Amino acid sequence: MEFVALDFETANADMSSICQLGLVLFKDGSLQEEWKTYVDPEDFFDEINVSIHGIDETTVKGAPKLRDIANRICSYLDGRIAVCHTHFDRVAIHQACVKSNLRVPTCTWLDSARVTRRTWDQFAYRGYGLGNVCAILGYQFVQHDALEDAKAAAHILLAAIEKTGMDLQEWLQRVEQPIGFPDHSYKISKDGNPEGAFYGELLVFTGALQISRRMAADMAANIGCTVVDGVNKKTTILVVGDQDVKKLAGHEKSSKHRKAEKLIAEGCPIRILRESDFKELVLLAERK
């Protein structure tokens, strides 16, 4: 699991007027690198903005211009998942690059505010600002410092992953679905049918399935599988979305997939199936 979280402060209402950048790189839940720099926006400072972040003309005197650090920004973002809280930072870097005739980083964006709204019910429709969410989570930081804000966005994402059991690839899909999506909770547990051919099997789903998790869980339970959310030593079957299997070469596997492979290496009898093979298994089991 790898992502970059970032935040920008701006000199005025023009979102291209970036005057500070904060960026953090996380791998497998751990902070690997961080970078903070002031930026000369080549623009004026509005007193309203200065009152919020405390950055003014004297602060950025001698600081690099965006064109001076553009390549370094791209080296962090290109090909990675970029996390920001709300879309403002995404718009800021796009507008600033366009204004300076620079290449816009080629990354996949993930809005931690949208993640928040789909993880904690109390934030579904209100109060999902960075400071408010972190206060509830017990994470302390200094707001309106770009690096501190970037770390806070990363912390929120990691907390959401921990709470839901969903990995980054699953979250990239979940944020595109309505807040009240029927499969809002991916932690679907079902007891297996005692008369089913696969009674006694403990099954877990991971990745992007073509059918809903709820439907897949019903299918598994009907043939006897007990469906749980997390992989452990008692797990016997892990069903992985076909698309995720095809992407394994050069791409990250889900945390559940990696854990299953680790347990298999330790001697646990876990069978990993594609979704299409799981569906065929269900059809054959139902024919008896």
Foldseek 3Di string as FASTA:
>chain_A
DKAKFKFFQAQDPPLQRTFKIWMFIDDPRDTDDIDIFTAHSVDAHDVVSCVFQVDHPVNCVVTHHCVVCVVVVLVRAAPHEYEYAPCSRVVNQVSNCVVVVHDRRHHHYDHLLLLVLLQDVVSVPDQSDLVSVCVVVVHDFDPNRTNRRRVSSSVSVVVSCVRQVADPQRRSVVSVDRSVPVPSRVFDWDFADPPAPPAQAEEEEHEDAPDDSVVLCVLCRDNHYTYGHADDLSHAEYEYEPVQVVPVVVDDHRPRVVVVVVSVVVPRNHDYHYPVVSVVVSVVRVVD
